[in-house]
N, C-alpha and C. Protein backbone atom coordinates (compact mmCIF):
# COMPACT_ATOMS: atom_id res chain seq x y z
N UNK A 1 40.78 157.41 81.03
CA UNK A 1 38.71 156.40 80.92
C UNK A 1 39.16 154.95 80.18
N UNK A 2 38.31 154.62 81.66
CA UNK A 2 38.73 152.85 82.00
C UNK A 2 37.27 152.52 81.18
N UNK A 3 36.92 152.60 79.36
CA UNK A 3 36.12 151.92 78.92
C UNK A 3 36.84 150.54 77.73
N UNK A 4 35.77 150.16 77.12
CA UNK A 4 36.18 149.63 76.12
C UNK A 4 35.55 148.78 75.36
N UNK A 5 35.25 148.04 74.03
CA UNK A 5 34.27 148.11 73.27
C UNK A 5 34.80 146.48 72.60
N UNK A 6 34.47 145.56 72.79
CA UNK A 6 34.35 143.99 72.34
C UNK A 6 33.57 143.67 71.28
N UNK A 7 33.62 142.99 70.15
CA UNK A 7 32.77 142.70 68.82
C UNK A 7 32.55 140.90 68.70
N UNK A 8 32.52 140.52 69.02
CA UNK A 8 32.80 139.34 68.59
C UNK A 8 32.16 138.47 67.65
N UNK A 9 32.16 138.38 66.58
CA UNK A 9 30.88 137.55 65.57
C UNK A 9 32.21 136.10 65.33
N UNK A 10 30.63 135.26 65.43
CA UNK A 10 31.71 133.48 65.09
C UNK A 10 30.27 133.05 63.73
N UNK A 11 30.07 132.06 63.44
CA UNK A 11 29.17 131.63 62.71
C UNK A 11 27.87 131.03 63.65
N UNK A 12 28.66 131.31 65.33
CA UNK A 12 27.09 130.95 66.24
C UNK A 12 26.52 131.82 66.73
N UNK A 13 27.19 133.48 67.10
CA UNK A 13 26.50 134.43 67.34
C UNK A 13 27.66 135.35 67.02
N UNK A 14 26.72 137.08 67.27
CA UNK A 14 27.56 138.45 66.68
C UNK A 14 26.80 138.74 68.16
N UNK A 15 28.30 139.52 68.81
CA UNK A 15 28.07 140.02 69.87
C UNK A 15 28.99 141.25 70.18
N UNK A 16 28.40 142.19 70.69
CA UNK A 16 28.98 143.90 71.12
C UNK A 16 28.77 144.21 72.40
N UNK A 17 30.17 144.22 72.96
CA UNK A 17 30.34 144.82 74.54
C UNK A 17 30.08 145.93 74.89
N UNK A 18 30.25 147.39 75.89
CA UNK A 18 30.62 148.03 75.90
C UNK A 18 30.11 148.18 77.17
N UNK A 19 31.52 148.65 78.02
CA UNK A 19 31.74 148.62 79.41
C UNK A 19 32.27 150.06 79.70
N UNK A 20 32.35 150.82 81.03
CA UNK A 20 32.52 151.48 81.48
C UNK A 20 32.77 150.63 83.24
N UNK A 21 33.85 150.74 83.49
CA UNK A 21 34.34 150.54 85.00
C UNK A 21 33.75 151.41 85.64
N UNK A 22 33.78 152.37 85.58
CA UNK A 22 33.66 153.72 86.46
C UNK A 22 32.13 154.21 86.09
N UNK A 23 31.22 153.62 86.05
CA UNK A 23 30.16 153.66 85.67
C UNK A 23 29.08 154.03 87.09
N UNK A 24 27.91 153.63 86.90
CA UNK A 24 27.15 153.49 88.34
C UNK A 24 26.03 152.58 88.03
N UNK A 25 26.41 151.69 87.45
CA UNK A 25 25.65 150.77 87.07
C UNK A 25 25.08 150.63 85.91
N UNK A 26 24.67 151.45 85.04
CA UNK A 26 23.88 151.26 84.26
C UNK A 26 23.33 150.17 83.19
N UNK A 27 22.74 149.36 82.73
CA UNK A 27 22.53 148.47 81.72
C UNK A 27 21.44 148.68 80.58
N UNK A 28 21.72 148.33 79.32
CA UNK A 28 20.97 147.94 77.93
C UNK A 28 21.70 146.76 77.90
N UNK A 29 21.10 145.82 77.57
CA UNK A 29 21.11 144.20 77.61
C UNK A 29 20.22 143.56 76.92
N UNK A 30 20.66 142.86 75.65
CA UNK A 30 19.27 142.58 74.63
C UNK A 30 20.25 141.25 74.61
N UNK A 31 20.07 140.02 74.58
CA UNK A 31 20.51 139.20 73.92
C UNK A 31 19.77 137.81 74.08
N UNK A 32 18.71 138.00 73.68
CA UNK A 32 17.77 137.40 73.70
C UNK A 32 17.11 136.10 73.86
N UNK A 33 18.26 135.97 75.73
CA UNK A 33 17.59 134.84 76.70
C UNK A 33 17.36 135.56 77.91
N UNK A 34 16.10 135.87 78.33
CA UNK A 34 15.51 136.71 79.30
C UNK A 34 16.13 136.81 80.75
N UNK A 35 16.67 135.03 81.09
CA UNK A 35 16.85 134.54 82.40
C UNK A 35 18.29 135.38 82.34
N UNK A 36 18.88 135.43 81.22
CA UNK A 36 20.41 135.90 81.42
C UNK A 36 20.16 137.40 81.45
N UNK A 37 19.64 138.14 80.72
CA UNK A 37 19.55 139.12 80.27
C UNK A 37 19.40 139.58 81.83
N UNK A 38 18.72 138.70 82.51
CA UNK A 38 18.28 139.93 83.73
C UNK A 38 18.93 139.42 84.71
N UNK A 39 20.41 138.39 84.76
CA UNK A 39 21.27 138.73 85.96
C UNK A 39 22.42 139.13 84.77
N UNK A 40 22.55 139.51 84.29
CA UNK A 40 23.47 140.16 83.34
C UNK A 40 23.54 142.13 83.74
N UNK A 41 22.58 141.91 83.45
CA UNK A 41 21.42 143.56 84.62
C UNK A 41 21.64 142.85 85.86
N UNK A 42 21.60 142.32 86.32
CA UNK A 42 22.48 142.21 88.53
C UNK A 42 23.65 142.56 87.82
N UNK A 43 24.49 142.05 87.02
CA UNK A 43 26.11 142.27 87.33
C UNK A 43 26.95 143.34 86.79
N UNK A 44 25.86 144.18 86.22
CA UNK A 44 26.17 145.30 85.66
C UNK A 44 25.15 146.71 87.08
N UNK A 45 24.63 146.30 87.58
CA UNK A 45 23.89 147.13 88.87
C UNK A 45 24.89 147.21 90.17
N UNK A 46 25.69 145.81 89.99
CA UNK A 46 26.05 145.44 91.60
C UNK A 46 27.56 145.84 91.45
N UNK A 47 28.02 146.07 90.16
CA UNK A 47 29.20 146.00 90.17
C UNK A 47 30.26 147.36 89.88
N UNK A 48 28.59 148.53 89.88
CA UNK A 48 28.70 149.85 88.83
C UNK A 48 29.40 150.25 87.90
N UNK A 49 29.82 148.84 87.29
CA UNK A 49 30.47 148.57 85.56
C UNK A 49 28.66 148.79 84.93
N UNK A 50 29.19 150.01 84.13
CA UNK A 50 28.13 150.59 83.00
C UNK A 50 27.37 149.53 81.72
N UNK A 51 27.47 148.42 81.46
CA UNK A 51 27.68 147.69 80.27
C UNK A 51 25.70 147.60 79.22
N UNK A 52 26.52 147.63 77.87
CA UNK A 52 25.61 148.01 76.92
C UNK A 52 25.80 145.93 76.65
N UNK A 53 24.93 145.53 75.88
CA UNK A 53 25.25 144.22 75.42
C UNK A 53 24.48 143.84 73.95
N UNK A 54 24.63 143.47 73.47
CA UNK A 54 23.76 143.23 72.07
C UNK A 54 24.32 141.88 71.29
N UNK A 55 23.03 140.47 71.58
CA UNK A 55 23.89 139.66 71.35
C UNK A 55 23.01 138.74 70.12
N UNK A 56 23.41 138.82 69.12
CA UNK A 56 22.49 137.85 68.62
C UNK A 56 23.16 136.19 68.62
N UNK A 57 22.15 135.29 68.89
CA UNK A 57 23.14 133.98 68.64
C UNK A 57 22.00 132.71 68.03
N UNK A 58 22.21 131.32 67.84
CA UNK A 58 22.11 130.78 67.05
C UNK A 58 20.86 130.02 68.22
N UNK A 59 19.85 130.94 68.92
CA UNK A 59 19.06 130.76 70.16
C UNK A 59 17.84 128.91 69.49
N UNK A 60 17.75 128.68 68.24
CA UNK A 60 17.56 127.68 67.66
C UNK A 60 17.68 126.47 68.04
N UNK A 61 19.25 126.66 68.37
CA UNK A 61 19.70 124.96 68.61
C UNK A 61 19.76 125.14 70.20
N UNK A 62 19.93 126.55 71.29
CA UNK A 62 19.72 126.15 72.61
C UNK A 62 20.27 127.79 72.86
N UNK A 63 21.07 127.69 74.00
CA UNK A 63 21.29 129.45 74.66
C UNK A 63 22.82 129.20 74.60
N UNK A 64 23.29 128.05 74.74
CA UNK A 64 24.67 127.94 75.36
C UNK A 64 25.87 128.29 74.24
N UNK A 65 25.69 128.76 73.12
CA UNK A 65 26.55 129.63 72.57
C UNK A 65 26.58 131.62 72.54
N UNK A 66 25.48 131.65 72.88
CA UNK A 66 25.35 133.17 73.12
C UNK A 66 25.75 133.18 74.36
N UNK A 67 25.30 132.05 75.17
CA UNK A 67 25.78 132.94 77.28
C UNK A 67 27.65 132.56 77.22
N UNK A 68 27.89 131.77 76.72
CA UNK A 68 29.27 131.23 76.71
C UNK A 68 30.26 132.36 75.89
N UNK A 69 29.56 132.54 74.64
CA UNK A 69 30.41 133.91 74.27
C UNK A 69 29.97 134.93 74.73
N UNK A 70 29.01 135.23 74.91
CA UNK A 70 29.01 136.76 75.59
C UNK A 70 29.81 137.12 76.97
N UNK A 71 30.15 135.63 77.59
CA UNK A 71 30.79 135.64 79.10
C UNK A 71 32.60 136.01 77.80
N UNK A 72 32.55 135.68 76.99
CA UNK A 72 33.60 135.91 76.53
C UNK A 72 33.60 137.34 76.34
N UNK A 73 32.89 137.82 75.49
CA UNK A 73 33.11 138.99 75.30
C UNK A 73 33.01 140.33 76.48
N UNK A 74 32.56 139.74 77.52
CA UNK A 74 32.29 140.66 78.43
C UNK A 74 33.82 140.39 79.64
N UNK A 75 34.32 139.10 79.35
CA UNK A 75 35.77 139.43 80.09
C UNK A 75 36.82 139.93 79.06
N UNK A 76 36.65 140.00 78.23
CA UNK A 76 38.02 140.28 77.01
C UNK A 76 37.47 142.18 77.27
N UNK A 77 36.52 142.66 77.16
CA UNK A 77 35.85 144.11 77.45
C UNK A 77 36.93 144.26 78.95
N UNK A 78 36.53 143.54 80.05
CA UNK A 78 36.86 143.98 81.58
C UNK A 78 38.91 144.33 80.80
N UNK A 79 39.12 142.75 80.99
CA UNK A 79 40.33 143.07 80.77
C UNK A 79 40.86 144.09 79.88
N UNK A 80 39.92 145.00 78.36
CA UNK A 80 41.03 145.86 77.84
C UNK A 80 40.44 147.35 78.50
N UNK A 81 39.87 147.03 79.66
CA UNK A 81 39.01 148.22 79.98
C UNK A 81 40.70 148.65 81.74
N UNK A 82 40.68 147.75 81.71
CA UNK A 82 41.24 147.99 83.03
C UNK A 82 42.92 147.46 82.52
N UNK A 83 43.22 147.96 81.80
CA UNK A 83 44.98 147.74 80.76
C UNK A 83 45.47 147.45 81.53
N UNK A 84 47.07 148.13 81.97
CA UNK A 84 48.09 147.58 82.32
C UNK A 84 47.78 147.43 83.81
N UNK A 85 46.55 147.04 84.89
CA UNK A 85 45.72 146.89 85.71
C UNK A 85 46.63 148.02 87.40
N UNK A 86 48.05 148.90 86.74
CA UNK A 86 48.92 149.85 87.67
C UNK A 86 47.16 150.55 88.50
N UNK A 87 47.53 150.69 89.84
CA UNK A 87 46.69 151.53 91.00
C UNK A 87 45.15 150.61 91.16
N UNK A 88 44.53 148.83 90.30
CA UNK A 88 43.30 148.45 90.72
C UNK A 88 43.94 148.32 91.97
N UNK A 89 43.08 147.77 92.49
CA UNK A 89 42.45 147.35 94.31
C UNK A 89 43.30 145.64 93.88
N UNK A 90 42.79 145.01 92.66
CA UNK A 90 43.19 143.50 92.18
C UNK A 90 42.38 142.80 93.07
N UNK A 91 42.03 142.30 94.18
CA UNK A 91 41.29 141.46 94.82
C UNK A 91 40.03 142.02 95.02
N UNK A 92 39.31 141.10 94.89
CA UNK A 92 37.64 141.63 95.41
C UNK A 92 36.94 139.91 96.14
N UNK A 93 36.13 140.20 97.13
CA UNK A 93 35.54 138.63 97.93
C UNK A 93 34.31 139.50 98.43
N UNK A 94 33.53 138.84 98.42
CA UNK A 94 32.29 139.62 99.16
C UNK A 94 31.02 137.71 99.16
N UNK A 95 30.39 137.71 100.35
CA UNK A 95 29.67 136.89 100.06
C UNK A 95 28.15 137.98 100.30
N UNK A 96 27.31 136.96 99.79
CA UNK A 96 25.66 137.69 99.49
C UNK A 96 24.51 136.76 99.98
N UNK A 97 24.12 137.06 100.24
CA UNK A 97 23.01 136.82 101.14
C UNK A 97 21.59 136.70 99.92
N UNK A 98 20.74 135.89 99.99
CA UNK A 98 19.93 136.09 98.89
C UNK A 98 18.50 135.06 99.35
N UNK A 99 17.81 135.59 100.65
CA UNK A 99 16.52 134.84 100.51
C UNK A 99 17.00 133.42 101.31
N UNK A 100 16.91 132.23 100.79
CA UNK A 100 17.78 130.94 101.40
C UNK A 100 18.86 130.49 100.66
N UNK A 101 19.18 131.57 99.40
CA UNK A 101 20.82 131.42 99.30
C UNK A 101 21.88 132.18 100.37
N UNK A 102 22.84 131.28 99.84
CA UNK A 102 24.12 132.06 99.76
C UNK A 102 25.30 131.43 99.56
N UNK A 103 25.96 132.75 98.66
CA UNK A 103 26.45 132.51 97.37
C UNK A 103 28.03 133.58 98.12
N UNK A 104 29.71 132.64 98.30
CA UNK A 104 30.34 134.01 98.43
C UNK A 104 31.27 134.10 96.56
N UNK A 105 32.24 134.77 97.31
CA UNK A 105 32.81 134.91 95.30
C UNK A 105 33.93 135.78 96.09
N UNK A 106 35.55 135.05 96.09
CA UNK A 106 36.99 135.56 96.01
C UNK A 106 37.42 135.27 94.70
N UNK A 107 38.38 136.73 94.11
CA UNK A 107 38.12 136.26 92.85
C UNK A 107 40.05 138.04 92.87
N UNK A 108 40.53 137.00 92.03
CA UNK A 108 42.16 138.03 91.56
C UNK A 108 42.09 137.99 90.30
N UNK A 109 42.04 139.89 89.77
CA UNK A 109 41.98 140.37 88.29
C UNK A 109 43.67 140.18 88.11
N UNK A 110 43.98 138.61 87.57
CA UNK A 110 45.47 138.60 87.84
C UNK A 110 46.33 138.17 86.55
N UNK A 111 45.01 137.98 85.71
CA UNK A 111 45.87 137.51 84.37
C UNK A 111 46.46 136.25 84.36
N UNK A 112 45.93 135.77 85.06
CA UNK A 112 45.86 134.10 85.42
C UNK A 112 45.16 133.41 85.86
N UNK A 113 44.28 132.85 84.80
CA UNK A 113 42.66 132.23 84.78
C UNK A 113 42.12 131.42 85.18
N UNK A 114 41.87 131.15 86.48
CA UNK A 114 41.22 129.77 86.54
C UNK A 114 39.75 129.91 87.45
N UNK A 115 39.01 128.93 87.14
CA UNK A 115 37.62 128.92 87.84
C UNK A 115 37.47 127.89 88.40
N UNK A 116 36.91 128.02 90.25
CA UNK A 116 36.86 126.94 90.61
C UNK A 116 34.74 127.76 91.12
N UNK A 117 34.16 126.68 90.47
CA UNK A 117 32.72 127.09 90.66
C UNK A 117 32.10 125.57 91.61
N UNK A 118 31.59 125.87 92.73
CA UNK A 118 31.62 124.98 93.50
C UNK A 118 29.87 125.90 93.81
N UNK A 119 28.66 125.65 92.67
CA UNK A 119 27.21 126.12 92.55
C UNK A 119 26.56 124.85 92.25
N UNK A 120 26.47 123.93 93.18
CA UNK A 120 24.96 122.65 92.65
C UNK A 120 24.10 123.45 92.55
N UNK A 121 22.63 123.26 91.98
CA UNK A 121 21.29 123.60 91.64
C UNK A 121 20.58 122.68 91.98
N UNK A 122 19.53 122.74 92.46
CA UNK A 122 18.64 121.99 92.94
C UNK A 122 17.83 121.57 91.94
N UNK A 123 17.79 122.18 90.65
CA UNK A 123 16.85 121.90 89.29
C UNK A 123 17.86 122.44 88.08
N UNK A 124 17.39 121.42 87.72
CA UNK A 124 18.21 121.80 85.48
C UNK A 124 18.26 122.53 85.24
N UNK A 125 16.99 123.40 85.27
CA UNK A 125 16.12 124.60 84.34
C UNK A 125 15.30 125.44 85.48
N UNK A 126 16.01 126.95 85.03
CA UNK A 126 15.05 128.06 86.16
C UNK A 126 14.38 128.69 83.96
N UNK A 127 13.12 128.50 84.64
CA UNK A 127 11.90 128.84 83.27
C UNK A 127 12.73 127.83 82.04
N UNK A 128 12.96 128.32 81.36
CA UNK A 128 13.28 127.81 80.43
C UNK A 128 15.60 127.70 79.88
N UNK A 129 15.99 128.30 81.40
CA UNK A 129 17.36 128.54 80.82
C UNK A 129 18.17 127.63 81.71
N UNK A 130 18.81 126.68 80.81
CA UNK A 130 19.62 125.93 81.50
C UNK A 130 20.89 126.00 82.61
N UNK A 131 20.49 125.68 83.93
CA UNK A 131 21.40 125.96 85.04
C UNK A 131 22.89 125.96 84.65
N UNK A 132 23.04 124.86 84.15
CA UNK A 132 24.50 124.58 83.95
C UNK A 132 25.19 126.00 83.10
N UNK A 133 24.55 126.58 82.25
CA UNK A 133 24.82 127.65 81.63
C UNK A 133 25.47 128.18 82.75
N UNK A 134 25.34 128.91 83.44
CA UNK A 134 25.91 129.69 84.75
C UNK A 134 27.52 129.58 84.68
N UNK A 135 27.69 128.18 84.90
CA UNK A 135 29.23 127.49 84.73
C UNK A 135 29.73 128.53 84.08
N UNK A 136 28.97 127.91 82.40
CA UNK A 136 29.98 128.03 81.54
C UNK A 136 29.86 129.89 81.06
N UNK A 137 29.14 130.74 81.86
CA UNK A 137 29.22 131.88 81.63
C UNK A 137 30.50 132.49 82.63
N UNK A 138 29.86 131.68 83.43
CA UNK A 138 31.23 132.20 84.83
C UNK A 138 32.70 131.67 84.05
N UNK A 139 32.94 131.00 83.80
CA UNK A 139 33.96 129.74 82.91
C UNK A 139 34.80 130.56 81.81
N UNK A 140 33.85 130.89 80.49
CA UNK A 140 34.55 132.05 79.92
C UNK A 140 34.57 133.58 80.49
N UNK A 141 33.71 133.93 81.38
CA UNK A 141 34.30 135.13 82.58
C UNK A 141 36.02 134.85 82.76
N UNK A 142 35.56 134.18 83.10
CA UNK A 142 38.25 133.78 83.93
C UNK A 142 38.61 133.92 82.94
N UNK A 143 38.50 132.54 81.88
CA UNK A 143 39.42 133.07 80.84
C UNK A 143 39.92 134.01 80.30
N UNK A 144 38.75 134.60 79.96
CA UNK A 144 38.87 135.70 78.97
C UNK A 144 39.11 137.28 79.61
N UNK A 145 38.72 137.41 80.45
CA UNK A 145 39.41 138.24 81.68
C UNK A 145 40.70 138.26 82.43
N UNK A 146 40.64 136.70 82.30
CA UNK A 146 42.85 136.61 83.46
C UNK A 146 42.55 137.02 84.69
N UNK A 147 41.08 136.01 85.44
CA UNK A 147 40.38 136.46 86.35
C UNK A 147 40.77 134.91 86.99
N UNK A 148 41.16 134.80 88.60
CA UNK A 148 40.91 133.91 89.24
C UNK A 148 39.60 134.06 89.75
N UNK A 149 38.68 132.84 89.47
CA UNK A 149 37.48 133.70 89.71
C UNK A 149 37.06 131.79 91.29
N UNK A 150 36.24 132.48 92.12
CA UNK A 150 36.01 130.98 93.22
C UNK A 150 34.79 131.56 93.60
N UNK A 151 33.64 130.65 93.19
CA UNK A 151 32.07 131.12 93.61
C UNK A 151 31.92 129.76 94.18
N UNK A 152 31.18 129.85 95.61
CA UNK A 152 30.78 128.84 96.01
C UNK A 152 29.30 128.85 96.89
N UNK A 153 29.16 127.79 96.52
CA UNK A 153 27.67 128.19 97.18
C UNK A 153 27.31 127.72 98.48
N UNK A 154 27.13 128.54 99.60
CA UNK A 154 27.41 128.15 100.85
C UNK A 154 25.80 127.49 101.16
N UNK A 155 24.68 128.13 100.95
CA UNK A 155 23.42 127.68 100.80
C UNK A 155 22.20 127.76 99.83
N UNK A 156 20.93 127.03 99.59
CA UNK A 156 20.85 127.50 98.95
C UNK A 156 19.41 126.34 98.64
N UNK A 157 18.14 126.59 98.49
CA UNK A 157 17.07 126.03 97.93
C UNK A 157 16.44 126.17 96.84
N UNK A 158 16.49 127.30 96.09
CA UNK A 158 16.14 127.88 94.80
C UNK A 158 16.68 128.11 94.10
N UNK A 159 16.91 127.83 92.97
CA UNK A 159 17.52 127.91 91.71
C UNK A 159 18.09 129.21 91.46
N UNK A 160 16.93 130.09 91.59
CA UNK A 160 16.69 131.03 90.99
C UNK A 160 17.54 131.80 91.59
N UNK A 161 17.32 131.43 93.16
CA UNK A 161 18.19 132.69 94.23
C UNK A 161 19.65 132.42 94.23
N UNK A 162 19.64 130.85 94.14
CA UNK A 162 21.65 130.80 93.93
C UNK A 162 22.14 131.35 93.00
N UNK A 163 21.17 131.28 90.93
CA UNK A 163 22.36 132.03 90.25
C UNK A 163 21.95 133.57 90.59
N UNK A 164 21.09 134.04 91.05
CA UNK A 164 20.81 135.60 91.38
C UNK A 164 22.29 135.70 92.30
N UNK A 165 22.31 134.97 93.37
CA UNK A 165 22.91 135.59 94.33
C UNK A 165 24.32 135.27 93.97
N UNK A 166 24.75 134.25 93.15
CA UNK A 166 26.04 133.89 92.19
C UNK A 166 26.62 135.08 91.35
N UNK A 167 25.92 135.80 90.88
CA UNK A 167 25.90 137.04 89.68
C UNK A 167 26.25 137.79 90.66
N UNK A 168 25.45 138.64 91.56
CA UNK A 168 25.73 139.57 92.35
C UNK A 168 26.56 139.52 93.34
N UNK A 169 27.15 138.17 93.73
CA UNK A 169 28.60 138.27 94.93
C UNK A 169 29.92 138.31 93.71
N UNK A 170 29.55 138.13 92.77
CA UNK A 170 30.47 138.16 91.37
C UNK A 170 31.07 139.81 91.29
N UNK A 171 29.77 140.24 90.96
CA UNK A 171 29.77 141.96 90.37
C UNK A 171 30.40 142.43 91.93
N UNK A 172 29.78 142.53 93.39
CA UNK A 172 30.28 142.78 94.20
C UNK A 172 31.43 142.85 94.18
N UNK A 173 32.00 142.14 94.05
CA UNK A 173 34.10 141.06 93.96
C UNK A 173 34.43 141.89 92.50
N UNK A 174 33.73 142.05 91.66
CA UNK A 174 34.34 142.49 90.51
C UNK A 174 34.38 144.55 91.06
N UNK A 175 33.88 144.68 91.38
CA UNK A 175 33.11 146.24 91.99
C UNK A 175 34.78 146.56 92.83
N UNK A 176 34.73 145.61 93.43
CA UNK A 176 36.13 145.80 94.83
C UNK A 176 37.77 145.55 93.82
N UNK A 177 37.36 145.07 92.52
CA UNK A 177 39.07 144.29 92.54
C UNK A 177 39.66 145.13 91.54
N UNK A 178 38.36 146.35 90.98
CA UNK A 178 38.54 146.67 89.48
C UNK A 178 38.79 148.12 89.99
N UNK A 179 38.49 148.43 90.82
CA UNK A 179 38.66 150.27 91.90
C UNK A 179 39.80 150.53 91.86
N UNK A 180 39.97 152.08 91.69
CA UNK A 180 41.10 152.62 91.57
C UNK A 180 41.73 152.31 93.67
N UNK A 181 42.68 152.03 93.96
CA UNK A 181 42.92 152.32 95.18
C UNK A 181 43.93 153.43 95.37
N UNK A 182 42.98 154.85 96.97
CA UNK A 182 43.08 155.59 96.83
C UNK A 182 45.13 155.59 97.32
N UNK A 183 45.43 154.72 97.62
CA UNK A 183 46.97 154.62 98.35
C UNK A 183 47.66 154.39 97.71
N UNK A 184 47.15 153.47 96.78
CA UNK A 184 48.45 152.74 95.82
C UNK A 184 48.16 153.49 93.70
N UNK A 185 48.66 153.84 93.27
CA UNK A 185 49.60 154.11 92.21
C UNK A 185 49.83 153.03 91.13
N UNK A 186 50.87 151.97 91.93
CA UNK A 186 51.73 151.31 91.68
C UNK A 186 50.39 149.85 91.03
N UNK A 187 51.91 149.20 90.08
CA UNK A 187 51.22 147.80 89.81
C UNK A 187 50.81 146.89 91.31
N UNK A 188 49.83 146.20 91.66
CA UNK A 188 49.46 145.45 92.94
C UNK A 188 50.27 144.19 92.74
N UNK A 189 51.91 144.30 92.18
CA UNK A 189 51.87 142.84 92.66
C UNK A 189 54.19 143.51 93.15
N UNK A 190 54.06 142.09 93.63
CA UNK A 190 56.01 142.35 94.38
C UNK A 190 56.11 141.49 92.73
N UNK A 191 56.05 141.23 92.01
CA UNK A 191 56.56 140.78 90.97
C UNK A 191 57.04 141.54 90.03
N UNK A 192 56.14 142.73 90.25
CA UNK A 192 56.91 143.56 89.44
C UNK A 192 55.55 143.69 87.33
N UNK A 193 54.77 142.16 87.80
CA UNK A 193 53.81 142.51 86.15
C UNK A 193 52.66 141.60 86.71
N UNK A 194 51.79 141.76 85.68
CA UNK A 194 50.48 140.61 86.21
C UNK A 194 50.15 140.42 84.47
């Protein structure tokens, strides 16, 4: 059973994430940040990872703590659900086109967190959502999920399309990386440890 539930409570946020790596992409997400909920729905749908997320944060200040802490909790849940990593594909990559935008992702579930996020946005906001929070989310996800994560915008004119292409590209790459490899049930490393 590759499932996990993470509860995270700070003075700024209270977050609970439950996910199932072997799901069908069902999502039930409520963070109080509309655009972010839309992006997390895309993450679940295209990764085929079922996600239930409840987040209450200090939105009267801004969305930053809620977005970042949700990324932390999702990363921790992925790491817990993957477990010892035996039998997973480990690597994932995807180039995703969405209208004017194309975003490529490559990742390694390696326990060596690192983020390269070359994702410039033409606007500072998408509606009321700060575009700089896209990077903050992926930084938290990579750090707490133990993921080497590279995200690169190849094209893009519309900030909404760029952000959505990024979340979908990461989702498709995650799907590939966490899937069980039908040819190998061992740890996918010559070191014998990840």
